Amino acid sequence: NYYGRESIWTSRIESVTANKEKDFIGWMWGF
């Protein structure tokens, strides 16, 4: 959760963080 986030997409934030929410098919390479 990124409370207060309005201007930047969640996907863009998670592109720079090491810890992020598990993808729907997170077991697949590249996700």
Full PDB file with SEQRES, HELIX, SHEET, SSBOND, CRYST1, ORIGX, SCALE, CONECT and MASTER records, all heavy atoms in Angstrom:
SEQRES   1 A   31  ASN TYR TYR GLY ARG GLU SER ILE TRP THR SER ARG ILE          
SEQRES   2 A   31  GLU SER VAL THR ALA ASN LYS GLU LYS ASP PHE ILE GLY          
SEQRES   3 A   31  TRP MET TRP GLY PHE                                          
HELIX    1 AA1 THR A   10  GLU A   14  1                                   5    
CRYST1    1.000    1.000    1.000  90.00  90.00  90.00 P 1           1          
ORIGX1      1.000000  0.000000  0.000000        0.00000                         
ORIGX2      0.000000  1.000000  0.000000        0.00000                         
ORIGX3      0.000000  0.000000  1.000000        0.00000                         
SCALE1      1.000000  0.000000  0.000000        0.00000                         
SCALE2      0.000000  1.000000  0.000000        0.00000                         
SCALE3      0.000000  0.000000  1.000000        0.00000                         
ATOM      1  N   ASN A   1       0.843  -1.199   0.000  1.00  0.00           N  
ATOM      2  CA  ASN A   1       0.000   0.000   0.000  1.00  0.00           C  
ATOM      3  C   ASN A   1       0.875   1.245   0.000  1.00  0.00           C  
ATOM      4  O   ASN A   1       1.866   1.321   0.744  1.00  0.00           O  
ATOM      5  CB  ASN A   1      -0.903   0.020   1.238  1.00  0.00           C  
ATOM      6  CG  ASN A   1      -1.796  -1.220   1.304  1.00  0.00           C  
ATOM      7  OD1 ASN A   1      -2.541  -1.507   0.378  1.00  0.00           O  
ATOM      8  ND2 ASN A   1      -1.703  -1.951   2.413  1.00  0.00           N  
ATOM      9  N   TYR A   2       0.520   2.190  -0.836  1.00  0.00           N  
ATOM     10  CA  TYR A   2       1.236   3.460  -0.919  1.00  0.00           C  
ATOM     11  C   TYR A   2       0.224   4.573  -0.628  1.00  0.00           C  
ATOM     12  O   TYR A   2      -0.305   5.229  -1.529  1.00  0.00           O  
ATOM     13  CB  TYR A   2       1.877   3.625  -2.297  1.00  0.00           C  
ATOM     14  CG  TYR A   2       2.783   2.465  -2.662  1.00  0.00           C  
ATOM     15  CD1 TYR A   2       2.302   1.396  -3.422  1.00  0.00           C  
ATOM     16  CD2 TYR A   2       4.093   2.411  -2.208  1.00  0.00           C  
ATOM     17  CE1 TYR A   2       3.111   0.320  -3.732  1.00  0.00           C  
ATOM     18  CE2 TYR A   2       4.914   1.336  -2.511  1.00  0.00           C  
ATOM     19  CZ  TYR A   2       4.415   0.287  -3.273  1.00  0.00           C  
ATOM     20  OH  TYR A   2       5.218  -0.777  -3.573  1.00  0.00           O  
ATOM     21  N   TYR A   3      -0.056   4.750   0.644  1.00  0.00           N  
ATOM     22  CA  TYR A   3      -1.073   5.708   1.066  1.00  0.00           C  
ATOM     23  C   TYR A   3      -0.598   7.132   0.771  1.00  0.00           C  
ATOM     24  O   TYR A   3       0.526   7.510   1.118  1.00  0.00           O  
ATOM     25  CB  TYR A   3      -1.378   5.552   2.551  1.00  0.00           C  
ATOM     26  CG  TYR A   3      -1.971   4.203   2.902  1.00  0.00           C  
ATOM     27  CD1 TYR A   3      -1.236   3.255   3.614  1.00  0.00           C  
ATOM     28  CD2 TYR A   3      -3.265   3.870   2.505  1.00  0.00           C  
ATOM     29  CE1 TYR A   3      -1.772   2.009   3.943  1.00  0.00           C  
ATOM     30  CE2 TYR A   3      -3.821   2.637   2.821  1.00  0.00           C  
ATOM     31  CZ  TYR A   3      -3.063   1.711   3.528  1.00  0.00           C  
ATOM     32  OH  TYR A   3      -3.609   0.487   3.834  1.00  0.00           O  
ATOM     33  N   GLY A   4      -1.450   7.913   0.134  1.00  0.00           N  
ATOM     34  CA  GLY A   4      -1.094   9.279  -0.240  1.00  0.00           C  
ATOM     35  C   GLY A   4      -0.599   9.399  -1.665  1.00  0.00           C  
ATOM     36  O   GLY A   4      -0.390  10.499  -2.171  1.00  0.00           O  
ATOM     37  N   ARG A   5      -0.399   8.268  -2.332  1.00  0.00           N  
ATOM     38  CA  ARG A   5       0.064   8.295  -3.725  1.00  0.00           C  
ATOM     39  C   ARG A   5      -1.061   8.781  -4.634  1.00  0.00           C  
ATOM     40  O   ARG A   5      -2.158   8.241  -4.622  1.00  0.00           O  
ATOM     41  CB  ARG A   5       0.490   6.882  -4.158  1.00  0.00           C  
ATOM     42  CG  ARG A   5       0.943   6.800  -5.619  1.00  0.00           C  
ATOM     43  CD  ARG A   5       0.766   5.423  -6.185  1.00  0.00           C  
ATOM     44  NE  ARG A   5      -0.630   5.011  -6.172  1.00  0.00           N  
ATOM     45  CZ  ARG A   5      -1.532   5.396  -7.074  1.00  0.00           C  
ATOM     46  NH1 ARG A   5      -1.214   6.233  -8.041  1.00  0.00           N  
ATOM     47  NH2 ARG A   5      -2.784   4.962  -6.974  1.00  0.00           N  
ATOM     48  N   GLU A   6      -0.748   9.787  -5.440  1.00  0.00           N  
ATOM     49  CA  GLU A   6      -1.731  10.293  -6.386  1.00  0.00           C  
ATOM     50  C   GLU A   6      -1.136  10.501  -7.776  1.00  0.00           C  
ATOM     51  O   GLU A   6      -1.767  10.179  -8.780  1.00  0.00           O  
ATOM     52  CB  GLU A   6      -2.319  11.624  -5.885  1.00  0.00           C  
ATOM     53  CG  GLU A   6      -3.145  11.499  -4.606  1.00  0.00           C  
ATOM     54  CD  GLU A   6      -3.696  12.838  -4.160  1.00  0.00           C  
ATOM     55  OE1 GLU A   6      -3.413  13.851  -4.853  1.00  0.00           O  
ATOM     56  OE2 GLU A   6      -4.405  12.875  -3.129  1.00  0.00           O  
ATOM     57  N   SER A   7       0.078  11.011  -7.842  1.00  0.00           N  
ATOM     58  CA  SER A   7       0.629  11.470  -9.120  1.00  0.00           C  
ATOM     59  C   SER A   7       1.438  10.419  -9.864  1.00  0.00           C  
ATOM     60  O   SER A   7       1.646  10.551 -11.076  1.00  0.00           O  
ATOM     61  CB  SER A   7       1.518  12.707  -8.885  1.00  0.00           C  
ATOM     62  OG  SER A   7       0.789  13.721  -8.225  1.00  0.00           O  
ATOM     63  N   ILE A   8       1.914   9.407  -9.181  1.00  0.00           N  
ATOM     64  CA  ILE A   8       2.770   8.396  -9.816  1.00  0.00           C  
ATOM     65  C   ILE A   8       2.094   7.042  -9.704  1.00  0.00           C  
ATOM     66  O   ILE A   8       1.612   6.672  -8.633  1.00  0.00           O  
ATOM     67  CB  ILE A   8       4.170   8.359  -9.152  1.00  0.00           C  
ATOM     68  CG1 ILE A   8       4.848   9.727  -9.280  1.00  0.00           C  
ATOM     69  CG2 ILE A   8       5.041   7.291  -9.797  1.00  0.00           C  
ATOM     70  CD1 ILE A   8       6.221   9.793  -8.645  1.00  0.00           C  
ATOM     71  N   TRP A   9       2.078   6.318 -10.814  1.00  0.00           N  
ATOM     72  CA  TRP A   9       1.443   4.999 -10.824  1.00  0.00           C  
ATOM     73  C   TRP A   9       2.169   4.045  -9.884  1.00  0.00           C  
ATOM     74  O   TRP A   9       3.382   4.117  -9.697  1.00  0.00           O  
ATOM     75  CB  TRP A   9       1.442   4.411 -12.227  1.00  0.00           C  
ATOM     76  CG  TRP A   9       0.521   5.140 -13.181  1.00  0.00           C  
ATOM     77  CD1 TRP A   9      -0.374   6.115 -12.882  1.00  0.00           C  
ATOM     78  CD2 TRP A   9       0.435   4.915 -14.595  1.00  0.00           C  
ATOM     79  NE1 TRP A   9      -1.033   6.525 -14.014  1.00  0.00           N  
ATOM     80  CE2 TRP A   9      -0.565   5.813 -15.084  1.00  0.00           C  
ATOM     81  CE3 TRP A   9       1.075   4.066 -15.485  1.00  0.00           C  
ATOM     82  CZ2 TRP A   9      -0.918   5.867 -16.435  1.00  0.00           C  
ATOM     83  CZ3 TRP A   9       0.730   4.119 -16.827  1.00  0.00           C  
ATOM     84  CH2 TRP A   9      -0.258   5.004 -17.292  1.00  0.00           C  
ATOM     85  N   THR A  10       1.395   3.122  -9.337  1.00  0.00           N  
ATOM     86  CA  THR A  10       1.979   2.111  -8.455  1.00  0.00           C  
ATOM     87  C   THR A  10       3.037   1.294  -9.175  1.00  0.00           C  
ATOM     88  O   THR A  10       4.097   0.969  -8.619  1.00  0.00           O  
ATOM     89  CB  THR A  10       0.877   1.182  -7.912  1.00  0.00           C  
ATOM     90  OG1 THR A  10      -0.041   1.946  -7.139  1.00  0.00           O  
ATOM     91  CG2 THR A  10       1.472   0.084  -7.044  1.00  0.00           C  
ATOM     92  N   SER A  11       2.785   0.934 -10.427  1.00  0.00           N  
ATOM     93  CA  SER A  11       3.750   0.125 -11.193  1.00  0.00           C  
ATOM     94  C   SER A  11       5.072   0.857 -11.352  1.00  0.00           C  
ATOM     95  O   SER A  11       6.144   0.236 -11.359  1.00  0.00           O  
ATOM     96  CB  SER A  11       3.174  -0.229 -12.560  1.00  0.00           C  
ATOM     97  OG  SER A  11       2.882   0.945 -13.299  1.00  0.00           O  
ATOM     98  N   ARG A  12       5.016   2.209 -11.487  1.00  0.00           N  
ATOM     99  CA  ARG A  12       6.256   2.980 -11.616  1.00  0.00           C  
ATOM    100  C   ARG A  12       7.004   2.990 -10.293  1.00  0.00           C  
ATOM    101  O   ARG A  12       8.238   2.890 -10.274  1.00  0.00           O  
ATOM    102  CB  ARG A  12       5.928   4.413 -12.048  1.00  0.00           C  
ATOM    103  CG  ARG A  12       7.178   5.264 -12.308  1.00  0.00           C  
ATOM    104  CD  ARG A  12       7.936   4.760 -13.515  1.00  0.00           C  
ATOM    105  NE  ARG A  12       9.154   5.508 -13.750  1.00  0.00           N  
ATOM    106  CZ  ARG A  12      10.363   5.150 -13.318  1.00  0.00           C  
ATOM    107  NH1 ARG A  12      10.510   4.024 -12.600  1.00  0.00           N  
ATOM    108  NH2 ARG A  12      11.420   5.876 -13.585  1.00  0.00           N  
ATOM    109  N   ILE A  13       6.288   3.092  -9.193  1.00  0.00           N  
ATOM    110  CA  ILE A  13       6.949   3.052  -7.882  1.00  0.00           C  
ATOM    111  C   ILE A  13       7.618   1.702  -7.677  1.00  0.00           C  
ATOM    112  O   ILE A  13       8.766   1.609  -7.232  1.00  0.00           O  
ATOM    113  CB  ILE A  13       5.932   3.345  -6.760  1.00  0.00           C  
ATOM    114  CG1 ILE A  13       5.460   4.793  -6.826  1.00  0.00           C  
ATOM    115  CG2 ILE A  13       6.538   3.047  -5.391  1.00  0.00           C  
ATOM    116  CD1 ILE A  13       4.401   5.154  -5.816  1.00  0.00           C  
ATOM    117  N   GLU A  14       6.905   0.629  -8.009  1.00  0.00           N  
ATOM    118  CA  GLU A  14       7.452  -0.713  -7.783  1.00  0.00           C  
ATOM    119  C   GLU A  14       8.601  -1.037  -8.727  1.00  0.00           C  
ATOM    120  O   GLU A  14       9.343  -1.989  -8.494  1.00  0.00           O  
ATOM    121  CB  GLU A  14       6.339  -1.746  -7.907  1.00  0.00           C  
ATOM    122  CG  GLU A  14       5.335  -1.664  -6.755  1.00  0.00           C  
ATOM    123  CD  GLU A  14       4.439  -2.881  -6.661  1.00  0.00           C  
ATOM    124  OE1 GLU A  14       4.233  -3.543  -7.691  1.00  0.00           O  
ATOM    125  OE2 GLU A  14       3.954  -3.166  -5.549  1.00  0.00           O  
ATOM    126  N   SER A  15       8.764  -0.240  -9.785  1.00  0.00           N  
ATOM    127  CA  SER A  15       9.905  -0.472 -10.680  1.00  0.00           C  
ATOM    128  C   SER A  15      11.224  -0.067 -10.029  1.00  0.00           C  
ATOM    129  O   SER A  15      12.293  -0.491 -10.481  1.00  0.00           O  
ATOM    130  CB  SER A  15       9.723   0.297 -11.991  1.00  0.00           C  
ATOM    131  OG  SER A  15       9.852   1.697 -11.788  1.00  0.00           O  
ATOM    132  N   VAL A  16      11.156   0.750  -8.950  1.00  0.00           N  
ATOM    133  CA  VAL A  16      12.394   1.194  -8.297  1.00  0.00           C  
ATOM    134  C   VAL A  16      12.595   0.545  -6.938  1.00  0.00           C  
ATOM    135  O   VAL A  16      13.662   0.699  -6.335  1.00  0.00           O  
ATOM    136  CB  VAL A  16      12.414   2.736  -8.137  1.00  0.00           C  
ATOM    137  CG1 VAL A  16      12.304   3.416  -9.481  1.00  0.00           C  
ATOM    138  CG2 VAL A  16      11.322   3.220  -7.186  1.00  0.00           C  
ATOM    139  N   THR A  17      11.596  -0.175  -6.419  1.00  0.00           N  
ATOM    140  CA  THR A  17      11.728  -0.773  -5.092  1.00  0.00           C  
ATOM    141  C   THR A  17      12.140  -2.237  -5.187  1.00  0.00           C  
ATOM    142  O   THR A  17      11.826  -2.919  -6.158  1.00  0.00           O  
ATOM    143  CB  THR A  17      10.407  -0.671  -4.307  1.00  0.00           C  
ATOM    144  OG1 THR A  17       9.361  -1.321  -5.052  1.00  0.00           O  
ATOM    145  CG2 THR A  17      10.039   0.771  -4.070  1.00  0.00           C  
ATOM    146  N   ALA A  18      12.821  -2.703  -4.149  1.00  0.00           N  
ATOM    147  CA  ALA A  18      13.209  -4.114  -4.095  1.00  0.00           C  
ATOM    148  C   ALA A  18      12.065  -4.975  -3.578  1.00  0.00           C  
ATOM    149  O   ALA A  18      11.905  -6.126  -3.991  1.00  0.00           O  
ATOM    150  CB  ALA A  18      14.437  -4.283  -3.203  1.00  0.00           C  
ATOM    151  N   ASN A  19      11.250  -4.427  -2.672  1.00  0.00           N  
ATOM    152  CA  ASN A  19      10.115  -5.154  -2.104  1.00  0.00           C  
ATOM    153  C   ASN A  19       8.833  -4.651  -2.750  1.00  0.00           C  
ATOM    154  O   ASN A  19       8.547  -3.444  -2.730  1.00  0.00           O  
ATOM    155  CB  ASN A  19      10.057  -4.946  -0.588  1.00  0.00           C  
ATOM    156  CG  ASN A  19      11.218  -5.598   0.120  1.00  0.00           C  
ATOM    157  OD1 ASN A  19      11.215  -6.798   0.362  1.00  0.00           O  
ATOM    158  ND2 ASN A  19      12.238  -4.803   0.439  1.00  0.00           N  
ATOM    159  N   LYS A  20       8.078  -5.576  -3.308  1.00  0.00           N  
ATOM    160  CA  LYS A  20       6.861  -5.187  -4.010  1.00  0.00           C  
ATOM    161  C   LYS A  20       5.830  -6.297  -3.930  1.00  0.00           C  
ATOM    162  O   LYS A  20       6.147  -7.449  -3.602  1.00  0.00           O  
ATOM    163  CB  LYS A  20       7.176  -4.823  -5.454  1.00  0.00           C  
ATOM    164  CG  LYS A  20       7.879  -5.904  -6.253  1.00  0.00           C  
ATOM    165  CD  LYS A  20       8.575  -5.339  -7.476  1.00  0.00           C  
ATOM    166  CE  LYS A  20       9.869  -4.659  -7.109  1.00  0.00           C  
ATOM    167  NZ  LYS A  20      10.625  -4.157  -8.271  1.00  0.00           N  
ATOM    168  N   GLU A  21       4.626  -5.946  -4.261  1.00  0.00           N  
ATOM    169  CA  GLU A  21       3.508  -6.878  -4.170  1.00  0.00           C  
ATOM    170  C   GLU A  21       3.660  -8.023  -5.177  1.00  0.00           C  
ATOM    171  O   GLU A  21       4.111  -7.818  -6.303  1.00  0.00           O  
ATOM    172  CB  GLU A  21       2.213  -6.111  -4.431  1.00  0.00           C  
ATOM    173  CG  GLU A  21       0.943  -6.890  -4.248  1.00  0.00           C  
ATOM    174  CD  GLU A  21      -0.277  -5.995  -4.446  1.00  0.00           C  
ATOM    175  OE1 GLU A  21      -0.345  -4.930  -3.792  1.00  0.00           O  
ATOM    176  OE2 GLU A  21      -1.159  -6.363  -5.255  1.00  0.00           O  
ATOM    177  N   LYS A  22       3.288  -9.222  -4.760  1.00  0.00           N  
ATOM    178  CA  LYS A  22       3.387 -10.383  -5.634  1.00  0.00           C  
ATOM    179  C   LYS A  22       2.432 -10.245  -6.819  1.00  0.00           C  
ATOM    180  O   LYS A  22       1.278  -9.866  -6.677  1.00  0.00           O  
ATOM    181  CB  LYS A  22       3.050 -11.663  -4.855  1.00  0.00           C  
ATOM    182  CG  LYS A  22       3.122 -12.930  -5.697  1.00  0.00           C  
ATOM    183  CD  LYS A  22       2.717 -14.160  -4.897  1.00  0.00           C  
ATOM    184  CE  LYS A  22       2.740 -15.412  -5.785  1.00  0.00           C  
ATOM    185  NZ  LYS A  22       2.318 -16.605  -5.033  1.00  0.00           N  
ATOM    186  N   ASP A  23       2.956 -10.541  -8.029  1.00  0.00           N  
ATOM    187  CA  ASP A  23       2.123 -10.523  -9.224  1.00  0.00           C  
ATOM    188  C   ASP A  23       1.193 -11.728  -9.248  1.00  0.00           C  
ATOM    189  O   ASP A  23       1.439 -12.737  -8.568  1.00  0.00           O  
ATOM    190  CB  ASP A  23       2.994 -10.523 -10.488  1.00  0.00           C  
ATOM    191  CG  ASP A  23       3.722  -9.199 -10.670  1.00  0.00           C  
ATOM    192  OD1 ASP A  23       3.217  -8.174 -10.169  1.00  0.00           O  
ATOM    193  OD2 ASP A  23       4.796  -9.189 -11.314  1.00  0.00           O  
ATOM    194  N   PHE A  24       0.172 -11.632 -10.092  1.00  0.00           N  
ATOM    195  CA  PHE A  24      -0.804 -12.718 -10.200  1.00  0.00           C  
ATOM    196  C   PHE A  24      -0.134 -14.023 -10.606  1.00  0.00           C  
ATOM    197  O   PHE A  24      -0.475 -15.094 -10.106  1.00  0.00           O  
ATOM    198  CB  PHE A  24      -1.888 -12.336 -11.215  1.00  0.00           C  
ATOM    199  CG  PHE A  24      -2.858 -13.441 -11.504  1.00  0.00           C  
ATOM    200  CD1 PHE A  24      -3.744 -13.891 -10.522  1.00  0.00           C  
ATOM    201  CD2 PHE A  24      -2.874 -14.070 -12.742  1.00  0.00           C  
ATOM    202  CE1 PHE A  24      -4.635 -14.917 -10.785  1.00  0.00           C  
ATOM    203  CE2 PHE A  24      -3.762 -15.094 -13.009  1.00  0.00           C  
ATOM    204  CZ  PHE A  24      -4.644 -15.524 -12.035  1.00  0.00           C  
ATOM    205  N   ILE A  25       0.818 -13.938 -11.516  1.00  0.00           N  
ATOM    206  CA  ILE A  25       1.572 -15.131 -11.933  1.00  0.00           C  
ATOM    207  C   ILE A  25       3.040 -14.938 -11.539  1.00  0.00           C  
ATOM    208  O   ILE A  25       3.944 -15.048 -12.356  1.00  0.00           O  
ATOM    209  CB  ILE A  25       1.422 -15.419 -13.445  1.00  0.00           C  
ATOM    210  CG1 ILE A  25       1.691 -14.141 -14.270  1.00  0.00           C  
ATOM    211  CG2 ILE A  25       0.062 -15.991 -13.750  1.00  0.00           C  
ATOM    212  CD1 ILE A  25       1.697 -14.412 -15.783  1.00  0.00           C  
ATOM    213  N   GLY A  26       3.231 -14.617 -10.260  1.00  0.00           N  
ATOM    214  CA  GLY A  26       4.567 -14.314  -9.783  1.00  0.00           C  
ATOM    215  C   GLY A  26       5.546 -15.460  -9.874  1.00  0.00           C  
ATOM    216  O   GLY A  26       6.758 -15.248  -9.824  1.00  0.00           O  
ATOM    217  N   TRP A  27       5.053 -16.663 -10.027  1.00  0.00           N  
ATOM    218  CA  TRP A  27       5.942 -17.828 -10.144  1.00  0.00           C  
ATOM    219  C   TRP A  27       6.634 -17.875 -11.503  1.00  0.00           C  
ATOM    220  O   TRP A  27       7.637 -18.575 -11.669  1.00  0.00           O  
ATOM    221  CB  TRP A  27       5.137 -19.118  -9.957  1.00  0.00           C  
ATOM    222  CG  TRP A  27       3.882 -19.154 -10.796  1.00  0.00           C  
ATOM    223  CD1 TRP A  27       2.641 -18.764 -10.415  1.00  0.00           C  
ATOM    224  CD2 TRP A  27       3.760 -19.580 -12.159  1.00  0.00           C  
ATOM    225  NE1 TRP A  27       1.742 -18.919 -11.441  1.00  0.00           N  
ATOM    226  CE2 TRP A  27       2.403 -19.427 -12.532  1.00  0.00           C  
ATOM    227  CE3 TRP A  27       4.654 -20.076 -13.097  1.00  0.00           C  
ATOM    228  CZ2 TRP A  27       1.933 -19.740 -13.802  1.00  0.00           C  
ATOM    229  CZ3 TRP A  27       4.192 -20.389 -14.367  1.00  0.00           C  
ATOM    230  CH2 TRP A  27       2.844 -20.216 -14.713  1.00  0.00           C  
ATOM    231  N   MET A  28       6.135 -17.125 -12.491  1.00  0.00           N  
ATOM    232  CA  MET A  28       6.705 -17.176 -13.834  1.00  0.00           C  
ATOM    233  C   MET A  28       7.906 -16.241 -13.928  1.00  0.00           C  
ATOM    234  O   MET A  28       7.918 -15.163 -13.345  1.00  0.00           O  
ATOM    235  CB  MET A  28       5.647 -16.780 -14.874  1.00  0.00           C  
ATOM    236  CG  MET A  28       6.150 -16.862 -16.327  1.00  0.00           C  
ATOM    237  SD  MET A  28       4.850 -16.486 -17.538  1.00  0.00           S  
ATOM    238  CE  MET A  28       3.810 -17.942 -17.339  1.00  0.00           C  
ATOM    239  N   TRP A  29       8.922 -16.680 -14.712  1.00  0.00           N  
ATOM    240  CA  TRP A  29      10.129 -15.870 -14.879  1.00  0.00           C  
ATOM    241  C   TRP A  29       9.760 -14.516 -15.476  1.00  0.00           C  
ATOM    242  O   TRP A  29       8.961 -14.413 -16.412  1.00  0.00           O  
ATOM    243  CB  TRP A  29      11.113 -16.588 -15.805  1.00  0.00           C  
ATOM    244  CG  TRP A  29      12.400 -15.824 -15.949  1.00  0.00           C  
ATOM    245  CD1 TRP A  29      13.514 -15.909 -15.170  1.00  0.00           C  
ATOM    246  CD2 TRP A  29      12.680 -14.830 -16.925  1.00  0.00           C  
ATOM    247  NE1 TRP A  29      14.462 -15.035 -15.598  1.00  0.00           N  
ATOM    248  CE2 TRP A  29      13.986 -14.361 -16.683  1.00  0.00           C  
ATOM    249  CE3 TRP A  29      11.949 -14.289 -17.983  1.00  0.00           C  
ATOM    250  CZ2 TRP A  29      14.580 -13.385 -17.460  1.00  0.00           C  
ATOM    251  CZ3 TRP A  29      12.544 -13.302 -18.764  1.00  0.00           C  
ATOM    252  CH2 TRP A  29      13.846 -12.861 -18.501  1.00  0.00           C  
ATOM    253  N   GLY A  30      10.353 -13.460 -14.925  1.00  0.00           N  
ATOM    254  CA  GLY A  30      10.084 -12.121 -15.418  1.00  0.00           C  
ATOM    255  C   GLY A  30       9.021 -11.391 -14.636  1.00  0.00           C  
ATOM    256  O   GLY A  30       8.846 -10.177 -14.813  1.00  0.00           O  
ATOM    257  N   PHE A  31       8.289 -12.087 -13.768  1.00  0.00           N  
ATOM    258  CA  PHE A  31       7.263 -11.461 -12.946  1.00  0.00           C  
ATOM    259  C   PHE A  31       7.729 -11.444 -11.488  1.00  0.00           C  
ATOM    260  O   PHE A  31       8.589 -12.236 -11.088  1.00  0.00           O  
ATOM    261  CB  PHE A  31       5.927 -12.203 -13.081  1.00  0.00           C  
ATOM    262  CG  PHE A  31       5.301 -12.055 -14.445  1.00  0.00           C  
ATOM    263  CD1 PHE A  31       5.649 -12.910 -15.481  1.00  0.00           C  
ATOM    264  CD2 PHE A  31       4.374 -11.057 -14.686  1.00  0.00           C  
ATOM    265  CE1 PHE A  31       5.078 -12.775 -16.740  1.00  0.00           C  
ATOM    266  CE2 PHE A  31       3.791 -10.916 -15.940  1.00  0.00           C  
ATOM    267  CZ  PHE A  31       4.145 -11.780 -16.972  1.00  0.00           C  
TER     268      PHE A  31                                                      
MASTER        0    0    0    1    0    0    0    6  267    1    0    3          
END                                                                             
